């Protein structure tokens, strides 16, 4: 509850500054930079406009502060067909989340991810690693959030292969986990920063789901144990509920004790008296 209260406070603070249709704005900026780079770079990154807008901590400290914003519009390095597919998915994920959460909360989700990634890059730079940061991890959290809210959404990979998005998200989480386990200290910090906004928004739900699942498994185990312990057996023929689970056993109200009979003998048996029950107990 404290985490949600913190998010609500941030939402109230951010309300007046929230930018609607932020996903469309980001994609439009990436499209513009992509075509500018394609026309001017000819494959040379140093000659490309992208070299002037990427997030490079040493350049920011030297005065190129625009990089703190412009790196958000750097397109991914991909072939034209793949980058179109990337933009289509980004638009789907971003607009869906904005409709679900509202403009303010969607802006807050991206803002937290943005601040965490920038902070991680500058901390890494402070430890001697002059990273050129990209926005892949930040926008990757849009995919993770969409998959969390729409786990059974079917995505046609390359417009051909249908697969539920929850399995793709699982692969992404495995990748994050692998990077955290085998990576350096800085790599681990970047992984944590990349999913911080997701954890703040969905961590409580995951924790409650984990606790509920544990309780449900414990309850089912107790029910199964009690069910296995409960055994009905006919006093006449010895037929029991384990060997014949579909048989409807009955208990005779005229017999003393818990006298159980199968359908064949419930109407045709000698009633058990208190003396009979006492003798049976002694035996």
C-alpha atoms as a PDB file:
ATOM      1  CA  UNK A   1       0.000   0.000   0.000  1.00  0.00           C
ATOM      2  CA  UNK A   2       2.878   2.385   0.710  1.00  0.00           C
ATOM      3  CA  UNK A   3       4.185   1.884  -2.827  1.00  0.00           C
ATOM      4  CA  UNK A   4       0.792   2.670  -4.329  1.00  0.00           C
ATOM      5  CA  UNK A   5       0.433   5.757  -2.100  1.00  0.00           C
ATOM      6  CA  UNK A   6       3.831   6.938  -3.302  1.00  0.00           C
ATOM      7  CA  UNK A   7       2.744   6.504  -6.935  1.00  0.00           C
ATOM      8  CA  UNK A   8      -0.513   8.367  -6.303  1.00  0.00           C
ATOM      9  CA  UNK A   9       1.406  11.282  -4.785  1.00  0.00           C
ATOM     10  CA  UNK A  10       3.652  11.397  -7.833  1.00  0.00           C
ATOM     11  CA  UNK A  11       0.596  11.283 -10.097  1.00  0.00           C
ATOM     12  CA  UNK A  12      -0.878  14.340  -8.378  1.00  0.00           C
ATOM     13  CA  UNK A  13       2.427  16.190  -8.726  1.00  0.00           C
ATOM     14  CA  UNK A  14       2.783  15.257 -12.394  1.00  0.00           C
ATOM     15  CA  UNK A  15      -0.849  15.855 -13.368  1.00  0.00           C
ATOM     16  CA  UNK A  16      -0.537  19.296 -14.909  1.00  0.00           C
ATOM     17  CA  UNK A  17       2.645  18.395 -16.805  1.00  0.00           C
ATOM     18  CA  UNK A  18       1.477  15.106 -18.317  1.00  0.00           C
ATOM     19  CA  UNK A  19       1.922  14.838 -22.092  1.00  0.00           C
ATOM     20  CA  UNK A  20      -0.889  13.089 -24.002  1.00  0.00           C
ATOM     21  CA  UNK A  21      -0.093  10.732 -26.903  1.00  0.00           C
ATOM     22  CA  UNK A  22       3.505  10.470 -25.715  1.00  0.00           C
ATOM     23  CA  UNK A  23       4.083   7.239 -27.616  1.00  0.00           C
ATOM     24  CA  UNK A  24       3.161   8.893 -30.909  1.00  0.00           C
ATOM     25  CA  UNK A  25       5.516  11.792 -30.192  1.00  0.00           C
ATOM     26  CA  UNK A  26       8.412   9.449 -29.419  1.00  0.00           C
ATOM     27  CA  UNK A  27       7.840   7.372 -32.554  1.00  0.00           C
ATOM     28  CA  UNK A  28       7.561  10.512 -34.707  1.00  0.00           C
ATOM     29  CA  UNK A  29      10.905  11.711 -33.353  1.00  0.00           C
ATOM     30  CA  UNK A  30      12.512   8.342 -34.043  1.00  0.00           C
ATOM     31  CA  UNK A  31      11.154   8.273 -37.592  1.00  0.00           C
ATOM     32  CA  UNK A  32      12.563  11.754 -38.242  1.00  0.00           C
ATOM     33  CA  UNK A  33      16.003  10.869 -36.888  1.00  0.00           C
ATOM     34  CA  UNK A  34      16.006   7.555 -38.746  1.00  0.00           C
ATOM     35  CA  UNK A  35      15.501   9.216 -42.123  1.00  0.00           C
ATOM     36  CA  UNK A  36      17.954  12.002 -41.315  1.00  0.00           C
ATOM     37  CA  UNK A  37      20.571   9.424 -40.422  1.00  0.00           C
ATOM     38  CA  UNK A  38      19.814   7.358 -43.525  1.00  0.00           C
ATOM     39  CA  UNK A  39      20.269  10.374 -45.816  1.00  0.00           C
ATOM     40  CA  UNK A  40      23.403  11.791 -44.218  1.00  0.00           C
ATOM     41  CA  UNK A  41      25.391   9.011 -42.567  1.00  0.00           C
ATOM     42  CA  UNK A  42      25.885   6.445 -45.336  1.00  0.00           C
ATOM     43  CA  UNK A  43      26.655   3.890 -42.619  1.00  0.00           C
ATOM     44  CA  UNK A  44      29.185   6.097 -40.808  1.00  0.00           C
ATOM     45  CA  UNK A  45      28.011   6.563 -37.206  1.00  0.00           C
ATOM     46  CA  UNK A  46      30.367   9.494 -36.597  1.00  0.00           C
ATOM     47  CA  UNK A  47      28.853  11.386 -39.529  1.00  0.00           C
ATOM     48  CA  UNK A  48      25.333  10.505 -38.495  1.00  0.00           C
ATOM     49  CA  UNK A  49      23.083  12.959 -36.642  1.00  0.00           C
ATOM     50  CA  UNK A  50      22.595  10.178 -34.104  1.00  0.00           C
ATOM     51  CA  UNK A  51      26.124  10.718 -32.794  1.00  0.00           C
ATOM     52  CA  UNK A  52      25.050  14.165 -31.565  1.00  0.00           C
ATOM     53  CA  UNK A  53      21.896  13.019 -29.768  1.00  0.00           C
ATOM     54  CA  UNK A  54      22.886   9.799 -27.999  1.00  0.00           C
ATOM     55  CA  UNK A  55      23.256   9.854 -24.225  1.00  0.00           C
ATOM     56  CA  UNK A  56      26.983  10.115 -23.522  1.00  0.00           C
ATOM     57  CA  UNK A  57      27.627  11.201 -19.894  1.00  0.00           C
ATOM     58  CA  UNK A  58      30.985  12.861 -20.605  1.00  0.00           C
ATOM     59  CA  UNK A  59      29.405  14.923 -23.389  1.00  0.00           C
ATOM     60  CA  UNK A  60      26.514  15.959 -21.137  1.00  0.00           C
ATOM     61  CA  UNK A  61      28.922  17.113 -18.447  1.00  0.00           C
ATOM     62  CA  UNK A  62      30.828  19.036 -21.125  1.00  0.00           C
ATOM     63  CA  UNK A  63      27.696  21.052 -21.871  1.00  0.00           C
ATOM     64  CA  UNK A  64      25.703  18.990 -24.372  1.00  0.00           C
ATOM     65  CA  UNK A  65      22.735  18.725 -22.023  1.00  0.00           C
ATOM     66  CA  UNK A  66      20.258  18.183 -24.859  1.00  0.00           C
ATOM     67  CA  UNK A  67      21.424  14.572 -24.962  1.00  0.00           C
ATOM     68  CA  UNK A  68      19.426  13.956 -21.777  1.00  0.00           C
ATOM     69  CA  UNK A  69      16.255  14.316 -23.859  1.00  0.00           C
ATOM     70  CA  UNK A  70      17.259  13.585 -27.432  1.00  0.00           C
ATOM     71  CA  UNK A  71      18.461  10.046 -26.716  1.00  0.00           C
ATOM     72  CA  UNK A  72      14.802   9.142 -26.199  1.00  0.00           C
ATOM     73  CA  UNK A  73      14.282   9.644 -29.940  1.00  0.00           C
ATOM     74  CA  UNK A  74      17.209   7.551 -31.150  1.00  0.00           C
ATOM     75  CA  UNK A  75      15.778   4.747 -33.340  1.00  0.00           C
ATOM     76  CA  UNK A  76      16.978   1.166 -32.872  1.00  0.00           C
ATOM     77  CA  UNK A  77      19.702  -0.063 -35.258  1.00  0.00           C
ATOM     78  CA  UNK A  78      17.596  -2.307 -37.454  1.00  0.00           C
ATOM     79  CA  UNK A  79      16.737  -2.966 -41.080  1.00  0.00           C
ATOM     80  CA  UNK A  80      13.792  -0.983 -42.509  1.00  0.00           C
ATOM     81  CA  UNK A  81      11.307  -3.860 -42.292  1.00  0.00           C
ATOM     82  CA  UNK A  82      12.276  -4.705 -38.718  1.00  0.00           C
ATOM     83  CA  UNK A  83      12.195  -1.111 -37.550  1.00  0.00           C
ATOM     84  CA  UNK A  84       8.690  -0.669 -38.983  1.00  0.00           C
ATOM     85  CA  UNK A  85       7.636  -3.773 -37.062  1.00  0.00           C
ATOM     86  CA  UNK A  86       9.291  -2.305 -33.943  1.00  0.00           C
ATOM     87  CA  UNK A  87       7.390   0.985 -34.279  1.00  0.00           C
ATOM     88  CA  UNK A  88       4.091  -0.828 -34.808  1.00  0.00           C
ATOM     89  CA  UNK A  89       4.582  -2.816 -31.625  1.00  0.00           C
ATOM     90  CA  UNK A  90       5.742   0.211 -29.672  1.00  0.00           C
ATOM     91  CA  UNK A  91       2.642   2.111 -30.757  1.00  0.00           C
ATOM     92  CA  UNK A  92       0.415  -0.818 -29.780  1.00  0.00           C
ATOM     93  CA  UNK A  93       1.999  -1.225 -26.346  1.00  0.00           C
ATOM     94  CA  UNK A  94       2.241   2.470 -25.517  1.00  0.00           C
ATOM     95  CA  UNK A  95      -1.238   3.547 -26.613  1.00  0.00           C
ATOM     96  CA  UNK A  96      -2.823   0.521 -24.940  1.00  0.00           C
ATOM     97  CA  UNK A  97      -1.116   1.316 -21.646  1.00  0.00           C
ATOM     98  CA  UNK A  98      -2.116   4.976 -21.865  1.00  0.00           C
ATOM     99  CA  UNK A  99      -5.757   4.015 -22.439  1.00  0.00           C
ATOM    100  CA  UNK A 100      -5.650   1.590 -19.517  1.00  0.00           C
ATOM    101  CA  UNK A 101      -3.812   3.785 -17.007  1.00  0.00           C
ATOM    102  CA  UNK A 102      -4.630   7.246 -18.244  1.00  0.00           C
ATOM    103  CA  UNK A 103      -2.180   9.863 -19.498  1.00  0.00           C
ATOM    104  CA  UNK A 104      -0.761  10.839 -16.098  1.00  0.00           C
ATOM    105  CA  UNK A 105       0.062   7.328 -14.913  1.00  0.00           C
ATOM    106  CA  UNK A 106       1.498   6.342 -18.287  1.00  0.00           C
ATOM    107  CA  UNK A 107       3.754   9.403 -18.232  1.00  0.00           C
ATOM    108  CA  UNK A 108       4.805   8.500 -14.702  1.00  0.00           C
ATOM    109  CA  UNK A 109       5.690   4.942 -15.758  1.00  0.00           C
ATOM    110  CA  UNK A 110       8.007   6.240 -18.485  1.00  0.00           C
ATOM    111  CA  UNK A 111       9.407   9.001 -16.284  1.00  0.00           C
ATOM    112  CA  UNK A 112      10.463   6.588 -13.534  1.00  0.00           C
ATOM    113  CA  UNK A 113      12.124   4.329 -16.101  1.00  0.00           C
ATOM    114  CA  UNK A 114      13.818   7.311 -17.739  1.00  0.00           C
ATOM    115  CA  UNK A 115      15.236   8.678 -14.468  1.00  0.00           C
ATOM    116  CA  UNK A 116      16.422   5.233 -13.345  1.00  0.00           C
ATOM    117  CA  UNK A 117      18.216   4.556 -16.628  1.00  0.00           C
ATOM    118  CA  UNK A 118      19.870   7.976 -16.758  1.00  0.00           C
ATOM    119  CA  UNK A 119      20.971   7.679 -13.123  1.00  0.00           C
ATOM    120  CA  UNK A 120      22.435   4.220 -13.754  1.00  0.00           C
ATOM    121  CA  UNK A 121      24.394   5.437 -16.782  1.00  0.00           C
ATOM    122  CA  UNK A 122      25.880   8.363 -14.873  1.00  0.00           C
ATOM    123  CA  UNK A 123      26.763   6.159 -11.898  1.00  0.00           C
ATOM    124  CA  UNK A 124      28.499   3.757 -14.276  1.00  0.00           C
ATOM    125  CA  UNK A 125      30.333   6.709 -15.830  1.00  0.00           C
ATOM    126  CA  UNK A 126      31.391   7.810 -12.341  1.00  0.00           C
ATOM    127  CA  UNK A 127      33.028   4.406 -11.894  1.00  0.00           C
ATOM    128  CA  UNK A 128      34.992   4.819 -15.123  1.00  0.00           C
ATOM    129  CA  UNK A 129      32.642   3.367 -17.749  1.00  0.00           C
ATOM    130  CA  UNK A 130      31.759   6.004 -20.358  1.00  0.00           C
ATOM    131  CA  UNK A 131      28.706   4.235 -21.716  1.00  0.00           C
ATOM    132  CA  UNK A 132      26.742   5.345 -24.732  1.00  0.00           C
ATOM    133  CA  UNK A 133      23.255   4.677 -23.395  1.00  0.00           C
ATOM    134  CA  UNK A 134      20.341   3.706 -25.587  1.00  0.00           C
ATOM    135  CA  UNK A 135      16.627   3.626 -24.890  1.00  0.00           C
ATOM    136  CA  UNK A 136      16.081  -0.088 -25.574  1.00  0.00           C
ATOM    137  CA  UNK A 137      15.729  -1.051 -21.915  1.00  0.00           C
ATOM    138  CA  UNK A 138      13.373   1.834 -21.205  1.00  0.00           C
ATOM    139  CA  UNK A 139      10.985   1.029 -24.039  1.00  0.00           C
ATOM    140  CA  UNK A 140      11.347  -2.665 -23.303  1.00  0.00           C
ATOM    141  CA  UNK A 141       9.382  -2.062 -20.107  1.00  0.00           C
ATOM    142  CA  UNK A 142       6.396  -1.036 -22.254  1.00  0.00           C
ATOM    143  CA  UNK A 143       6.441  -4.561 -23.636  1.00  0.00           C
ATOM    144  CA  UNK A 144       6.709  -6.112 -20.163  1.00  0.00           C
ATOM    145  CA  UNK A 145       3.854  -3.990 -18.802  1.00  0.00           C
ATOM    146  CA  UNK A 146       1.602  -4.757 -21.782  1.00  0.00           C
ATOM    147  CA  UNK A 147       2.344  -8.486 -21.450  1.00  0.00           C
ATOM    148  CA  UNK A 148       1.504  -8.355 -17.748  1.00  0.00           C
ATOM    149  CA  UNK A 149      -1.885  -6.757 -18.423  1.00  0.00           C
ATOM    150  CA  UNK A 150      -2.646  -8.789 -21.569  1.00  0.00           C
ATOM    151  CA  UNK A 151      -0.873 -12.154 -21.090  1.00  0.00           C
ATOM    152  CA  UNK A 152      -2.987 -14.032 -23.638  1.00  0.00           C
ATOM    153  CA  UNK A 153      -2.635 -11.462 -26.403  1.00  0.00           C
ATOM    154  CA  UNK A 154      -1.541 -13.262 -29.560  1.00  0.00           C
ATOM    155  CA  UNK A 155       1.323 -11.622 -31.397  1.00  0.00           C
ATOM    156  CA  UNK A 156       2.226 -12.699 -34.922  1.00  0.00           C
ATOM    157  CA  UNK A 157       6.016 -12.627 -34.967  1.00  0.00           C
ATOM    158  CA  UNK A 158       7.151 -11.306 -38.347  1.00  0.00           C
ATOM    159  CA  UNK A 159       3.444 -11.305 -39.284  1.00  0.00           C
ATOM    160  CA  UNK A 160       3.535 -15.118 -39.515  1.00  0.00           C
ATOM    161  CA  UNK A 161       4.179 -17.041 -36.288  1.00  0.00           C
ATOM    162  CA  UNK A 162       1.348 -16.698 -33.711  1.00  0.00           C
ATOM    163  CA  UNK A 163       2.472 -16.787 -30.092  1.00  0.00           C
ATOM    164  CA  UNK A 164       0.963 -15.581 -26.832  1.00  0.00           C
ATOM    165  CA  UNK A 165       2.819 -12.559 -25.599  1.00  0.00           C
ATOM    166  CA  UNK A 166       3.303 -13.969 -22.102  1.00  0.00           C
ATOM    167  CA  UNK A 167       5.817 -16.482 -23.495  1.00  0.00           C
ATOM    168  CA  UNK A 168       7.804 -13.726 -25.188  1.00  0.00           C
ATOM    169  CA  UNK A 169       7.757 -11.802 -21.913  1.00  0.00           C
ATOM    170  CA  UNK A 170       9.053 -14.902 -20.140  1.00  0.00           C
ATOM    171  CA  UNK A 171      11.990 -15.024 -22.557  1.00  0.00           C
ATOM    172  CA  UNK A 172      12.663 -11.348 -21.861  1.00  0.00           C
ATOM    173  CA  UNK A 173      12.672 -11.972 -18.101  1.00  0.00           C
ATOM    174  CA  UNK A 174      15.042 -14.908 -18.562  1.00  0.00           C
ATOM    175  CA  UNK A 175      17.332 -12.579 -20.486  1.00  0.00           C
ATOM    176  CA  UNK A 176      17.206 -10.002 -17.691  1.00  0.00           C
ATOM    177  CA  UNK A 177      17.898 -12.697 -15.118  1.00  0.00           C
ATOM    178  CA  UNK A 178      20.824 -14.077 -17.083  1.00  0.00           C
ATOM    179  CA  UNK A 179      22.309 -10.614 -17.487  1.00  0.00           C
ATOM    180  CA  UNK A 180      21.929  -9.971 -13.772  1.00  0.00           C
ATOM    181  CA  UNK A 181      23.562 -13.266 -12.770  1.00  0.00           C
ATOM    182  CA  UNK A 182      26.547 -13.288 -15.102  1.00  0.00           C
ATOM    183  CA  UNK A 183      27.045  -9.564 -15.663  1.00  0.00           C
ATOM    184  CA  UNK A 184      29.368  -7.172 -13.874  1.00  0.00           C
ATOM    185  CA  UNK A 185      28.270  -4.950 -11.004  1.00  0.00           C
ATOM    186  CA  UNK A 186      27.513  -2.148 -13.430  1.00  0.00           C
ATOM    187  CA  UNK A 187      25.535  -4.493 -15.672  1.00  0.00           C
ATOM    188  CA  UNK A 188      23.465  -5.626 -12.709  1.00  0.00           C
ATOM    189  CA  UNK A 189      22.768  -2.049 -11.763  1.00  0.00           C
ATOM    190  CA  UNK A 190      21.594  -1.297 -15.300  1.00  0.00           C
ATOM    191  CA  UNK A 191      19.287  -4.326 -15.254  1.00  0.00           C
ATOM    192  CA  UNK A 192      17.722  -3.196 -11.979  1.00  0.00           C
ATOM    193  CA  UNK A 193      17.327   0.356 -13.282  1.00  0.00           C
ATOM    194  CA  UNK A 194      15.698  -0.945 -16.443  1.00  0.00           C
ATOM    195  CA  UNK A 195      12.892  -2.722 -14.596  1.00  0.00           C
ATOM    196  CA  UNK A 196      12.448  -0.322 -11.667  1.00  0.00           C
ATOM    197  CA  UNK A 197       9.284   1.240 -13.089  1.00  0.00           C
ATOM    198  CA  UNK A 198       7.806  -2.214 -13.741  1.00  0.00           C
ATOM    199  CA  UNK A 199       8.561  -3.320 -10.178  1.00  0.00           C
ATOM    200  CA  UNK A 200       6.964  -0.194  -8.700  1.00  0.00           C
ATOM    201  CA  UNK A 201       3.818  -0.650 -10.782  1.00  0.00           C
ATOM    202  CA  UNK A 202       3.424  -4.435 -10.656  1.00  0.00           C
ATOM    203  CA  UNK A 203       5.590  -5.678  -7.797  1.00  0.00           C
ATOM    204  CA  UNK A 204       2.741  -5.638  -5.273  1.00  0.00           C
ATOM    205  CA  UNK A 205       0.494  -7.639  -7.622  1.00  0.00           C
ATOM    206  CA  UNK A 206       3.209 -10.241  -8.136  1.00  0.00           C
ATOM    207  CA  UNK A 207       3.781 -10.530  -4.386  1.00  0.00           C
ATOM    208  CA  UNK A 208       0.073 -10.991  -3.660  1.00  0.00           C
ATOM    209  CA  UNK A 209      -0.194 -13.539  -6.461  1.00  0.00           C
ATOM    210  CA  UNK A 210       2.755 -15.434  -5.002  1.00  0.00           C
ATOM    211  CA  UNK A 211       1.210 -15.474  -1.520  1.00  0.00           C
ATOM    212  CA  UNK A 212      -2.206 -16.486  -2.854  1.00  0.00           C
ATOM    213  CA  UNK A 213      -0.661 -19.263  -4.925  1.00  0.00           C
ATOM    214  CA  UNK A 214       1.199 -20.584  -1.878  1.00  0.00           C
ATOM    215  CA  UNK A 215      -1.955 -20.575   0.214  1.00  0.00           C
ATOM    216  CA  UNK A 216      -3.956 -22.262  -2.536  1.00  0.00           C
ATOM    217  CA  UNK A 217      -1.363 -25.019  -2.942  1.00  0.00           C
ATOM    218  CA  UNK A 218      -1.317 -25.569   0.830  1.00  0.00           C
ATOM    219  CA  UNK A 219      -5.128 -25.745   0.948  1.00  0.00           C
ATOM    220  CA  UNK A 220      -5.250 -28.179  -1.956  1.00  0.00           C
ATOM    221  CA  UNK A 221      -2.665 -30.387  -0.273  1.00  0.00           C
ATOM    222  CA  UNK A 222      -4.745 -30.487   2.931  1.00  0.00           C
ATOM    223  CA  UNK A 223      -7.927 -31.261   0.981  1.00  0.00           C
ATOM    224  CA  UNK A 224      -6.217 -34.080  -0.910  1.00  0.00           C
ATOM    225  CA  UNK A 225      -4.815 -35.510   2.313  1.00  0.00           C
ATOM    226  CA  UNK A 226      -8.232 -35.384   3.988  1.00  0.00           C
ATOM    227  CA  UNK A 227      -9.881 -36.932   0.935  1.00  0.00           C
ATOM    228  CA  UNK A 228      -7.382 -39.781   0.861  1.00  0.00           C
ATOM    229  CA  UNK A 229      -7.860 -40.412   4.587  1.00  0.00           C
ATOM    230  CA  UNK A 230     -11.651 -40.626   4.199  1.00  0.00           C
ATOM    231  CA  UNK A 231     -12.461 -44.184   3.153  1.00  0.00           C
ATOM    232  CA  UNK A 232     -15.873 -45.837   2.917  1.00  0.00           C
ATOM    233  CA  UNK A 233     -16.111 -49.649   3.205  1.00  0.00           C
ATOM    234  CA  UNK A 234     -19.111 -51.919   3.148  1.00  0.00           C
ATOM    235  CA  UNK A 235     -19.411 -54.001   6.340  1.00  0.00           C
ATOM    236  CA  UNK A 236     -20.871 -56.941   4.422  1.00  0.00           C
ATOM    237  CA  UNK A 237     -18.784 -57.396   1.265  1.00  0.00           C
ATOM    238  CA  UNK A 238     -15.759 -55.253   2.037  1.00  0.00           C
ATOM    239  CA  UNK A 239     -16.113 -53.082  -1.080  1.00  0.00           C
ATOM    240  CA  UNK A 240     -14.441 -49.716  -0.456  1.00  0.00           C
ATOM    241  CA  UNK A 241     -14.344 -46.246  -2.021  1.00  0.00           C
ATOM    242  CA  UNK A 242     -10.718 -46.619  -3.148  1.00  0.00           C
ATOM    243  CA  UNK A 243     -11.319 -49.678  -5.318  1.00  0.00           C
ATOM    244  CA  UNK A 244     -14.727 -48.413  -6.451  1.00  0.00           C
ATOM    245  CA  UNK A 245     -14.708 -44.579  -6.325  1.00  0.00           C
ATOM    246  CA  UNK A 246     -17.989 -44.238  -8.268  1.00  0.00           C
ATOM    247  CA  UNK A 247     -19.987 -46.400  -5.846  1.00  0.00           C
ATOM    248  CA  UNK A 248     -22.441 -44.448  -3.713  1.00  0.00           C
ATOM    249  CA  UNK A 249     -21.941 -45.729  -0.165  1.00  0.00           C
ATOM    250  CA  UNK A 250     -24.567 -45.171   2.556  1.00  0.00           C
ATOM    251  CA  UNK A 251     -24.617 -45.249   6.358  1.00  0.00           C
ATOM    252  CA  UNK A 252     -27.471 -46.980   8.139  1.00  0.00           C
ATOM    253  CA  UNK A 253     -29.261 -44.823  10.693  1.00  0.00           C
ATOM    254  CA  UNK A 254     -30.629 -47.886  12.534  1.00  0.00           C
ATOM    255  CA  UNK A 255     -27.225 -49.383  13.140  1.00  0.00           C
ATOM    256  CA  UNK A 256     -25.118 -48.326  16.094  1.00  0.00           C
ATOM    257  CA  UNK A 257     -21.852 -46.628  15.231  1.00  0.00           C
ATOM    258  CA  UNK A 258     -20.738 -45.719  11.725  1.00  0.00           C
ATOM    259  CA  UNK A 259     -22.084 -48.693   9.765  1.00  0.00           C
ATOM    260  CA  UNK A 260     -21.337 -48.272   6.059  1.00  0.00           C
ATOM    261  CA  UNK A 261     -22.872 -50.333   3.257  1.00  0.00           C
ATOM    262  CA  UNK A 262     -22.705 -50.487  -0.513  1.00  0.00           C
ATOM    263  CA  UNK A 263     -25.946 -49.993  -2.531  1.00  0.00           C
ATOM    264  CA  UNK A 264     -26.412 -53.780  -2.711  1.00  0.00           C
ATOM    265  CA  UNK A 265     -26.402 -54.319   1.071  1.00  0.00           C
ATOM    266  CA  UNK A 266     -27.858 -51.070   2.418  1.00  0.00           C
ATOM    267  CA  UNK A 267     -31.364 -52.507   2.210  1.00  0.00           C
ATOM    268  CA  UNK A 268     -30.479 -56.104   3.077  1.00  0.00           C
ATOM    269  CA  UNK A 269     -28.373 -56.441   6.215  1.00  0.00           C
ATOM    270  CA  UNK A 270     -28.667 -57.206   9.877  1.00  0.00           C
ATOM    271  CA  UNK A 271     -28.601 -54.060  11.934  1.00  0.00           C
ATOM    272  CA  UNK A 272     -25.562 -53.613  14.136  1.00  0.00           C
ATOM    273  CA  UNK A 273     -26.455 -53.320  17.834  1.00  0.00           C
ATOM    274  CA  UNK A 274     -24.505 -51.543  20.526  1.00  0.00           C
ATOM    275  CA  UNK A 275     -23.276 -54.911  21.793  1.00  0.00           C
ATOM    276  CA  UNK A 276     -22.087 -55.894  18.320  1.00  0.00           C
ATOM    277  CA  UNK A 277     -20.253 -52.548  17.967  1.00  0.00           C
ATOM    278  CA  UNK A 278     -18.652 -53.068  21.396  1.00  0.00           C
ATOM    279  CA  UNK A 279     -17.483 -56.549  20.500  1.00  0.00           C
ATOM    280  CA  UNK A 280     -16.135 -55.341  17.158  1.00  0.00           C
ATOM    281  CA  UNK A 281     -14.195 -52.631  18.945  1.00  0.00           C
ATOM    282  CA  UNK A 282     -12.637 -55.150  21.349  1.00  0.00           C
ATOM    283  CA  UNK A 283     -11.608 -57.360  18.462  1.00  0.00           C
END
